[in-house]
Amino acid sequence: GTVTVPSATTDVSAVNLGDVKAKEYYDTTNISANSDVVVNHSLESKKLIVSLWLDDDEVTGSLEIQKTSNNSIIIRNLSAISIVGLEICIIKLSV
């Protein structure tokens, strides 16, 4: 059987998995050399944790992240090499 958990109303309440997943975004993209891509995440916040991954390694040095609105970010590739299969992981903070 299943147990239905409603949305938590206090910090000590059980958490509904749907509430957790509603604060997450995941996608993959390709970015050409010296260019950028707009990612529409629809999380309605700039208070985000953004992590970028390529082949199971976190990418930091050659990419720049700009939080442009409550529903999108820009990822800028500062290198002369195209990036294929970049994983974008975003979590919306609850604060």
Protein backbone atom coordinates (compact mmCIF):
# COMPACT_ATOMS: atom_id res chain seq x y z
CA GLY A 1 0.00 0.00 0.00
CA THR A 2 0.88 3.64 0.02
CA VAL A 3 0.83 6.38 2.59
CA THR A 4 -0.03 9.89 1.39
CA VAL A 5 1.91 12.62 3.18
CA PRO A 6 0.48 16.14 2.92
CA SER A 7 2.75 19.16 2.47
CA ALA A 8 4.71 19.91 5.65
CA THR A 9 3.40 22.80 7.71
CA THR A 10 6.24 22.93 10.28
CA ASP A 11 9.96 22.08 10.32
CA VAL A 12 9.28 18.88 12.29
CA SER A 13 6.52 17.57 9.99
CA ALA A 14 6.99 14.73 7.51
CA VAL A 15 8.07 15.92 4.07
CA ASN A 16 6.17 15.19 0.87
CA LEU A 17 8.58 14.06 -1.88
CA GLY A 18 6.64 16.11 -4.43
CA ASP A 19 7.42 19.24 -2.39
CA VAL A 20 11.14 18.39 -2.51
CA LYS A 21 11.14 17.67 -6.25
CA ALA A 22 9.27 20.91 -6.94
CA LYS A 23 12.40 22.77 -5.73
CA GLU A 24 14.77 20.96 -8.10
CA TYR A 25 15.70 21.33 -11.76
CA TYR A 26 17.89 19.05 -13.90
CA ASP A 27 18.77 19.16 -17.58
CA THR A 28 21.68 18.66 -19.98
CA THR A 29 22.85 21.10 -22.62
CA ASN A 30 25.64 21.89 -25.07
CA ILE A 31 27.45 25.22 -25.12
CA SER A 32 29.58 26.38 -28.02
CA ALA A 33 33.00 27.92 -27.40
CA ASN A 34 32.92 31.52 -26.14
CA SER A 35 29.12 31.65 -26.03
CA ASP A 36 26.27 31.30 -23.58
CA VAL A 37 22.99 29.51 -23.10
CA VAL A 38 19.82 30.56 -21.27
CA VAL A 39 18.39 27.94 -18.93
CA ASN A 40 14.71 28.34 -18.04
CA HIS A 41 14.28 26.53 -14.72
CA SER A 42 10.86 27.96 -13.63
CA LEU A 43 11.74 27.79 -9.91
CA GLU A 44 10.60 31.39 -9.31
CA SER A 45 13.66 32.45 -7.28
CA LYS A 46 17.22 33.74 -7.57
CA LYS A 47 18.10 32.01 -4.28
CA LEU A 48 19.51 28.90 -5.91
CA ILE A 49 22.34 26.44 -5.61
CA VAL A 50 23.63 25.76 -9.13
CA SER A 51 26.03 22.91 -9.87
CA LEU A 52 27.42 22.09 -13.33
CA TRP A 53 28.81 18.65 -14.18
CA LEU A 54 30.64 17.11 -17.13
CA ASP A 55 31.57 13.41 -17.17
CA ASP A 56 30.98 13.09 -13.38
CA ASP A 57 33.29 16.04 -12.62
CA GLU A 58 32.03 19.38 -11.36
CA VAL A 59 32.89 22.17 -13.80
CA THR A 60 33.88 25.51 -12.31
CA GLY A 61 36.80 27.24 -14.02
CA SER A 62 35.63 27.81 -17.58
CA LEU A 63 31.96 28.60 -16.93
CA GLU A 64 30.23 31.65 -15.50
CA ILE A 65 26.71 31.58 -14.04
CA GLN A 66 24.49 34.66 -14.05
CA LYS A 67 21.15 34.58 -12.22
CA THR A 68 19.17 36.84 -14.54
CA SER A 69 15.59 36.45 -13.32
CA ASN A 70 13.46 34.39 -10.96
CA ASN A 71 12.95 31.77 -13.68
CA SER A 72 16.19 31.61 -15.66
CA ILE A 73 19.97 31.70 -15.52
CA ILE A 74 22.66 32.28 -18.15
CA ILE A 75 25.61 29.90 -18.35
CA ARG A 76 28.55 31.45 -20.18
CA ASN A 77 31.35 29.30 -21.63
CA LEU A 78 34.55 31.35 -21.32
CA SER A 79 36.77 28.78 -23.03
CA ALA A 80 37.69 28.22 -26.67
CA ILE A 81 36.35 24.65 -26.47
CA SER A 82 32.71 23.63 -26.94
CA ILE A 83 31.10 21.71 -24.09
CA VAL A 84 28.83 18.78 -24.95
CA GLY A 85 26.58 17.08 -22.41
CA LEU A 86 26.84 19.62 -19.59
CA GLU A 87 24.59 18.58 -16.70
CA ILE A 88 22.77 21.41 -14.90
CA CYS A 89 21.59 20.73 -11.33
CA ILE A 90 19.66 23.48 -9.52
CA ILE A 91 18.10 23.49 -6.06
CA LYS A 92 15.86 26.32 -4.85
CA LEU A 93 16.60 27.41 -1.29
CA SER A 94 13.71 27.55 1.16
CA VAL A 95 14.83 30.80 2.83
